[in-house]
Amino acid sequence: MQLSIDLTGREVLVTGSEHAARQAVRRYEAAGAVVYRLSTPQGAAHDGPLPERPFLVAAVEDGQPGWDSLLGRCRDTGIPVAAEPAAGAPGHVTLVGGGPGTTELLTVAAVKALRDADVVFYDRLAPYQELPSLTSAELVDVGKKPGHHKVSQGDIEKLMVESALAGNNVVRLKGGDPYVFGRGGEEVAACVAAGVKVRVISGVTSAISVPAAAGIPVTHREVSHMFTVVSGHAPLTEKEHQHLAGLGGTIVVLMGIGTLHQLAAGLRRAGMRADMPMAVVERGYRPGQRTTIADLGTVTSAAAGCSNPAVLVIGEVVRVAEANRGHAEAAADLDRLAASLLGS
């Protein structure tokens, strides 16, 4: 059960050792509470004065014996006790896949990592707008845009490593999945080289989720039994065009607006038919999401007004989506007709 309580100005007693409780203290302070500390079950004068009757006791699971008696007395006197997880070991990096940009597709592990972070270095494709509600950590924007890198990749790796070596729990929040064109392997290598403990939390890749947001399955029985994911940041070679055209199945291109013209022309030269259906899905799961349907021969002009972030889908699965959309619209029309007849 999760409850939202206004703690502004309320006295909250956080129990637990200094290290284990540090992130819980920060979370309650960020919520506006007046926070008091108790580091040991026996009482600790150095923690300062304690409230006579706190509004809430936040009990951090720090492994010290002796808390049960104190917390039991709090419950007996009607003071609510909330169990809080202990902060993780200091000085490590967690690469977190943020999914396609909506907090609804963050994994449970991602939410936990953000909750426990001291510093978050985030990208523009991650769901950064919602970060203040997910973490009380320091937030650092290191996002890159096409043609403009706010912070270079090398500097991002240096910032992560330095922060972890200073004793912080660092989260590197990336759009999609860290290992799908996210340079996650490079960032893991930088941590390993510096002797920093690092782990990776997979995210929902936009290669699958953004087409799904537009109703497009990347595979479909008797239509496509494979899909290939391609980066659209740089033009492909003629050999790569030939390979893609010969594979069959579905082709998914991430961030491919800038190279759309070269891709379409290259696939045509490689023998892909001009009427192969294509979709351009812009801003998946974000305000202004839009899908443009065309075919390989006309997509360059049809998508002239499109911009990144976008996912391109090439293959017969686009027709499947169009057929499903037609059935769904017909069903909706029947529902509206039935409602009208019943109302009359």
Protein backbone atom coordinates (compact mmCIF):
# COMPACT_ATOMS: atom_id res chain seq x y z
CA MET A 1 0.00 0.00 0.00
CA GLN A 2 1.22 3.48 -0.86
CA LEU A 3 -0.16 6.57 0.86
CA SER A 4 0.45 10.22 0.07
CA ILE A 5 0.54 12.38 3.21
CA ASP A 6 1.26 16.08 3.49
CA LEU A 7 4.22 16.25 5.88
CA THR A 8 4.82 19.98 5.59
CA GLY A 9 5.88 21.23 9.04
CA ARG A 10 5.24 17.84 10.67
CA GLU A 11 7.74 16.38 13.13
CA VAL A 12 9.19 13.11 11.87
CA LEU A 13 11.64 10.97 13.84
CA VAL A 14 13.98 8.96 11.61
CA THR A 15 15.61 6.03 13.38
CA GLY A 16 18.67 4.21 12.12
CA SER A 17 22.43 4.63 11.78
CA GLU A 18 23.74 7.75 10.09
CA HIS A 19 24.77 6.03 6.89
CA ALA A 20 21.73 3.77 6.58
CA ALA A 21 19.29 6.63 7.25
CA ARG A 22 20.89 9.37 5.19
CA GLN A 23 18.63 9.00 2.17
CA ALA A 24 15.47 8.60 4.26
CA VAL A 25 16.38 11.83 6.08
CA ARG A 26 16.78 13.61 2.75
CA ARG A 27 13.46 12.26 1.43
CA TYR A 28 11.51 13.44 4.47
CA GLU A 29 13.21 16.83 4.45
CA ALA A 30 12.35 17.18 0.77
CA ALA A 31 8.73 16.44 1.70
CA GLY A 32 8.76 19.43 4.06
CA ALA A 33 8.96 17.55 7.36
CA VAL A 34 10.87 18.73 10.43
CA VAL A 35 13.25 15.79 10.79
CA TYR A 36 14.75 14.53 14.05
CA ARG A 37 17.34 11.75 14.28
CA LEU A 38 17.92 8.76 16.53
CA SER A 39 21.00 6.76 15.53
CA THR A 40 20.93 3.94 18.10
CA PRO A 41 18.14 2.13 19.97
CA GLN A 42 19.72 3.12 23.28
CA GLY A 43 19.41 6.80 22.48
CA ALA A 44 22.15 9.13 21.33
CA ALA A 45 22.70 12.51 22.92
CA HIS A 46 24.68 13.70 19.92
CA ASP A 47 21.57 13.42 17.76
CA GLY A 48 20.18 16.48 19.53
CA PRO A 49 16.76 17.02 21.09
CA LEU A 50 13.95 14.65 20.20
CA PRO A 51 10.29 15.54 19.67
CA GLU A 52 7.98 14.83 22.60
CA ARG A 53 5.46 13.11 20.33
CA PRO A 54 6.40 12.91 16.63
CA PHE A 55 3.74 12.83 13.95
CA LEU A 56 5.48 9.84 12.38
CA VAL A 57 8.43 7.54 13.09
CA ALA A 58 10.39 6.46 10.01
CA ALA A 59 12.21 3.27 10.99
CA VAL A 60 15.21 2.56 8.77
CA GLU A 61 16.19 -1.10 8.58
CA ASP A 62 19.85 -0.71 9.58
CA GLY A 63 20.39 -4.16 11.12
CA GLN A 64 20.99 -2.93 14.66
CA PRO A 65 19.30 -5.05 17.37
CA GLY A 66 17.07 -3.34 19.91
CA TRP A 67 14.80 -1.22 17.72
CA ASP A 68 11.76 -3.49 18.14
CA SER A 69 11.12 -2.45 21.73
CA LEU A 70 11.27 1.29 20.95
CA LEU A 71 9.12 0.97 17.84
CA GLY A 72 6.64 -1.21 19.73
CA ARG A 73 6.21 1.51 22.37
CA CYS A 74 5.60 4.06 19.60
CA ARG A 75 2.87 1.91 18.09
CA ASP A 76 1.30 1.29 21.52
CA THR A 77 0.98 5.04 22.06
CA GLY A 78 -0.62 5.55 18.66
CA ILE A 79 2.39 6.97 16.78
CA PRO A 80 2.49 5.59 13.21
CA VAL A 81 5.69 3.76 12.25
CA ALA A 82 6.79 3.61 8.60
CA ALA A 83 9.42 1.06 7.53
CA GLU A 84 12.16 2.59 5.40
CA PRO A 85 14.89 0.74 3.46
CA ALA A 86 18.49 1.41 4.36
CA ALA A 87 20.71 3.33 1.98
CA GLY A 88 22.89 1.13 -0.20
CA ALA A 89 26.65 0.82 0.05
CA PRO A 90 28.31 4.14 -0.83
CA GLY A 91 30.35 4.80 -3.91
CA HIS A 92 28.74 2.91 -6.77
CA VAL A 93 27.12 3.63 -10.14
CA THR A 94 23.83 2.27 -11.45
CA LEU A 95 23.00 2.66 -15.13
CA VAL A 96 19.22 2.85 -15.32
CA GLY A 97 17.12 2.43 -18.43
CA GLY A 98 14.40 5.06 -18.26
CA GLY A 99 12.22 3.66 -21.04
CA PRO A 100 10.72 5.78 -23.83
CA GLY A 101 10.06 8.84 -21.67
CA THR A 102 7.05 8.09 -19.47
CA THR A 103 7.30 7.16 -15.79
CA GLU A 104 4.57 4.56 -16.37
CA LEU A 105 7.15 2.39 -18.14
CA LEU A 106 9.87 2.68 -15.51
CA THR A 107 10.67 -0.68 -13.95
CA VAL A 108 10.32 -1.29 -10.21
CA ALA A 109 14.10 -1.65 -10.02
CA ALA A 110 14.53 1.73 -11.73
CA VAL A 111 12.23 3.45 -9.24
CA LYS A 112 14.13 1.89 -6.31
CA ALA A 113 17.48 2.97 -7.73
CA LEU A 114 16.27 6.55 -8.17
CA ARG A 115 14.88 6.58 -4.63
CA ASP A 116 18.24 5.52 -3.23
CA ALA A 117 20.41 7.83 -5.35
CA ASP A 118 22.56 10.69 -4.08
CA VAL A 119 23.20 12.08 -7.58
CA VAL A 120 21.34 11.48 -10.85
CA PHE A 121 22.94 12.27 -14.21
CA TYR A 122 20.07 12.22 -16.72
CA ASP A 123 19.49 12.43 -20.47
CA ARG A 124 16.80 14.41 -22.28
CA LEU A 125 15.09 11.22 -23.53
CA ALA A 126 14.64 9.89 -20.00
CA PRO A 127 11.49 10.89 -18.02
CA TYR A 128 13.37 13.73 -16.33
CA GLN A 129 10.37 15.99 -15.80
CA GLU A 130 9.08 13.61 -13.12
CA LEU A 131 12.39 13.15 -11.31
CA PRO A 132 11.60 15.51 -8.39
CA SER A 133 8.72 13.21 -7.43
CA LEU A 134 10.89 10.08 -7.71
CA THR A 135 14.07 11.10 -5.95
CA SER A 136 15.52 13.65 -3.57
CA ALA A 137 18.96 13.29 -5.16
CA GLU A 138 20.95 16.08 -6.78
CA LEU A 139 19.85 16.23 -10.43
CA VAL A 140 22.41 16.93 -13.17
CA ASP A 141 21.36 17.43 -16.80
CA VAL A 142 23.92 15.89 -19.16
CA GLY A 143 21.53 15.49 -22.08
CA LYS A 144 22.66 15.51 -25.69
CA LYS A 145 20.73 16.85 -28.66
CA PRO A 146 21.44 16.16 -32.34
CA GLY A 147 24.42 18.28 -33.27
CA HIS A 148 24.81 19.67 -29.75
CA HIS A 149 26.33 17.77 -26.85
CA LYS A 150 25.65 19.61 -23.61
CA VAL A 151 28.26 17.42 -21.89
CA SER A 152 30.61 15.20 -23.91
CA GLN A 153 30.51 11.44 -23.41
CA GLY A 154 33.98 11.48 -21.91
CA ASP A 155 33.00 14.18 -19.44
CA ILE A 156 29.84 12.27 -18.46
CA GLU A 157 31.94 9.23 -17.63
CA LYS A 158 34.39 11.38 -15.66
CA LEU A 159 31.57 13.01 -13.65
CA MET A 160 30.04 9.62 -12.81
CA VAL A 161 33.31 8.13 -11.67
CA GLU A 162 34.36 11.16 -9.63
CA SER A 163 30.99 11.33 -7.88
CA ALA A 164 31.08 7.62 -7.02
CA LEU A 165 34.65 7.85 -5.74
CA ALA A 166 33.49 10.70 -3.49
CA GLY A 167 31.12 8.20 -1.81
CA ASN A 168 27.86 8.93 -3.66
CA ASN A 169 25.29 6.47 -4.94
CA VAL A 170 25.20 7.55 -8.57
CA VAL A 171 22.39 6.87 -11.02
CA ARG A 172 22.98 7.40 -14.71
CA LEU A 173 19.44 7.68 -16.10
CA LYS A 174 19.23 7.03 -19.82
CA GLY A 175 16.36 6.88 -22.28
CA GLY A 176 15.25 3.43 -23.41
CA ASP A 177 17.71 0.70 -22.47
CA PRO A 178 21.36 1.47 -21.59
CA TYR A 179 22.62 -1.28 -23.90
CA VAL A 180 20.53 -0.37 -26.97
CA PHE A 181 22.44 2.48 -28.63
CA GLY A 182 22.78 4.03 -25.16
CA ARG A 183 26.59 3.81 -24.85
CA GLY A 184 26.03 1.85 -21.66
CA GLY A 185 28.93 -0.46 -22.43
CA GLU A 186 31.30 2.50 -22.58
CA GLU A 187 30.09 3.84 -19.24
CA VAL A 188 30.41 0.44 -17.58
CA ALA A 189 33.95 0.15 -18.94
CA ALA A 190 34.85 3.59 -17.52
CA CYS A 191 33.61 2.54 -14.07
CA VAL A 192 35.43 -0.78 -14.17
CA ALA A 193 38.67 0.94 -15.22
CA ALA A 194 38.37 3.30 -12.22
CA GLY A 195 37.59 0.48 -9.78
CA VAL A 196 34.01 1.69 -9.22
CA LYS A 197 31.29 -0.90 -8.61
CA VAL A 198 28.65 -0.65 -11.35
CA ARG A 199 25.41 -2.43 -12.25
CA VAL A 200 22.90 -2.07 -15.06
CA ILE A 201 19.11 -1.96 -14.77
CA SER A 202 17.53 -2.73 -18.12
CA GLY A 203 14.87 -0.40 -19.47
CA VAL A 204 11.98 -0.69 -21.92
CA THR A 205 13.60 0.02 -25.27
CA SER A 206 11.89 2.47 -27.60
CA ALA A 207 12.60 0.04 -30.46
CA ILE A 208 9.62 -2.01 -29.27
CA SER A 209 7.61 0.32 -27.06
CA VAL A 210 7.28 3.30 -29.40
CA PRO A 211 5.94 1.25 -32.33
CA ALA A 212 3.57 -0.37 -29.80
CA ALA A 213 2.38 3.08 -28.74
CA ALA A 214 1.32 3.58 -32.36
CA GLY A 215 -0.34 0.15 -32.48
CA ILE A 216 2.45 -1.44 -34.54
CA PRO A 217 3.72 -4.90 -33.53
CA VAL A 218 7.33 -5.46 -34.55
CA THR A 219 6.52 -9.16 -35.13
CA HIS A 220 3.28 -10.78 -36.21
CA ARG A 221 2.50 -14.40 -37.03
CA GLU A 222 2.67 -15.14 -40.78
CA VAL A 223 3.79 -11.56 -41.42
CA SER A 224 7.14 -11.02 -39.71
CA HIS A 225 9.09 -13.46 -37.54
CA MET A 226 12.12 -11.22 -36.99
CA PHE A 227 13.01 -7.60 -36.48
CA THR A 228 16.25 -5.67 -36.81
CA VAL A 229 17.09 -2.54 -34.81
CA VAL A 230 19.26 0.07 -36.50
CA SER A 231 20.73 3.37 -35.34
CA GLY A 232 19.74 6.30 -37.52
CA HIS A 233 22.43 8.68 -36.29
CA ALA A 234 24.72 8.06 -39.27
CA PRO A 235 24.03 6.93 -42.87
CA LEU A 236 24.43 3.21 -43.54
CA THR A 237 26.83 1.79 -46.08
CA GLU A 238 25.69 0.18 -49.33
CA LYS A 239 26.63 -3.21 -47.89
CA GLU A 240 24.45 -2.55 -44.83
CA HIS A 241 21.53 -1.49 -47.05
CA GLN A 242 21.87 -4.72 -49.03
CA HIS A 243 22.03 -6.77 -45.84
CA LEU A 244 18.90 -5.14 -44.41
CA ALA A 245 16.95 -5.44 -47.65
CA GLY A 246 17.80 -9.14 -47.88
CA LEU A 247 16.93 -10.05 -44.30
CA GLY A 248 13.19 -9.62 -44.52
CA GLY A 249 11.08 -9.07 -41.43
CA THR A 250 10.73 -5.67 -39.76
CA ILE A 251 13.31 -2.90 -39.68
CA VAL A 252 13.19 -0.48 -36.74
CA VAL A 253 15.33 2.66 -36.94
CA LEU A 254 15.94 4.78 -33.84
CA MET A 255 16.45 8.53 -34.23
CA GLY A 256 16.39 8.16 -37.99
CA ILE A 257 14.88 11.41 -39.27
CA GLY A 258 18.24 12.92 -40.15
CA THR A 259 19.22 9.95 -42.32
CA LEU A 260 15.75 9.02 -43.62
CA HIS A 261 16.48 10.14 -47.19
CA GLN A 262 19.70 8.08 -47.42
CA LEU A 263 18.01 5.06 -45.82
CA ALA A 264 15.02 5.04 -48.17
CA ALA A 265 17.20 5.54 -51.25
CA GLY A 266 19.72 2.92 -50.12
CA LEU A 267 17.05 0.28 -49.47
CA ARG A 268 15.51 0.96 -52.89
CA ARG A 269 18.90 0.54 -54.58
CA ALA A 270 19.29 -2.71 -52.65
CA GLY A 271 16.09 -4.06 -54.18
CA MET A 272 13.41 -3.34 -51.58
CA ARG A 273 10.14 -2.61 -53.32
CA ALA A 274 8.84 0.96 -53.45
CA ASP A 275 5.46 0.09 -51.91
CA MET A 276 6.95 -1.39 -48.72
CA PRO A 277 4.90 0.23 -45.92
CA MET A 278 6.64 2.56 -43.48
CA ALA A 279 5.67 4.44 -40.34
CA VAL A 280 7.33 7.37 -38.63
CA VAL A 281 6.34 7.58 -34.96
CA GLU A 282 7.32 10.89 -33.37
CA ARG A 283 7.47 11.63 -29.64
CA GLY A 284 6.25 8.21 -28.51
CA TYR A 285 4.38 8.34 -25.16
CA ARG A 286 4.90 12.09 -24.99
CA PRO A 287 2.57 15.03 -25.63
CA GLY A 288 2.16 15.50 -29.37
CA GLN A 289 2.78 11.87 -30.31
CA ARG A 290 2.17 11.53 -34.04
CA THR A 291 2.34 8.70 -36.58
CA THR A 292 2.93 9.26 -40.29
CA ILE A 293 2.19 6.32 -42.62
CA ALA A 294 3.73 6.15 -46.09
CA ASP A 295 5.70 3.70 -48.20
CA LEU A 296 9.35 3.43 -49.06
CA GLY A 297 8.95 5.32 -52.32
CA THR A 298 7.10 8.32 -50.87
CA VAL A 299 8.20 8.50 -47.24
CA THR A 300 10.80 11.22 -47.80
CA SER A 301 8.17 13.73 -48.88
CA ALA A 302 5.47 12.40 -46.52
CA ALA A 303 7.76 12.81 -43.52
CA ALA A 304 9.17 16.20 -44.51
CA GLY A 305 7.69 17.83 -41.41
CA CYS A 306 8.75 15.11 -38.98
CA SER A 307 11.49 15.54 -36.36
CA ASN A 308 13.38 13.53 -33.74
CA PRO A 309 12.83 11.89 -31.34
CA ALA A 310 11.24 9.46 -33.75
CA VAL A 311 11.22 5.76 -34.53
CA LEU A 312 10.92 4.48 -38.10
CA VAL A 313 9.24 1.14 -38.78
CA ILE A 314 9.66 -0.54 -42.17
CA GLY A 315 7.73 -3.69 -43.01
CA GLU A 316 4.37 -5.36 -43.52
CA VAL A 317 3.59 -5.07 -39.80
CA VAL A 318 2.63 -1.46 -40.53
CA ARG A 319 -0.31 -2.77 -42.59
CA VAL A 320 -1.29 -5.01 -39.66
CA ALA A 321 -1.51 -1.94 -37.47
CA GLU A 322 -3.59 -0.10 -40.05
CA ALA A 323 -6.00 -3.06 -40.29
CA ASN A 324 -6.29 -3.31 -36.51
CA ARG A 325 -6.89 0.41 -36.28
CA GLY A 326 -9.70 0.12 -38.84
CA HIS A 327 -11.36 -2.67 -36.85
CA ALA A 328 -11.02 -0.70 -33.63
CA GLU A 329 -12.57 2.39 -35.21
CA ALA A 330 -15.44 0.31 -36.62
CA ALA A 331 -16.07 -1.20 -33.19
CA ALA A 332 -16.05 2.26 -31.63
CA ASP A 333 -18.59 3.42 -34.23
CA LEU A 334 -20.87 0.48 -33.32
CA ASP A 335 -20.53 1.31 -29.63
CA ARG A 336 -21.50 4.92 -30.29
CA LEU A 337 -24.49 3.82 -32.41
CA ALA A 338 -25.67 1.41 -29.72
CA ALA A 339 -25.34 4.11 -27.05
CA SER A 340 -27.34 6.50 -29.24
CA LEU A 341 -30.13 3.96 -29.81
CA LEU A 342 -30.31 3.12 -26.12
CA GLY A 343 -30.43 6.79 -25.27
CA SER A 344 -33.32 7.37 -27.61
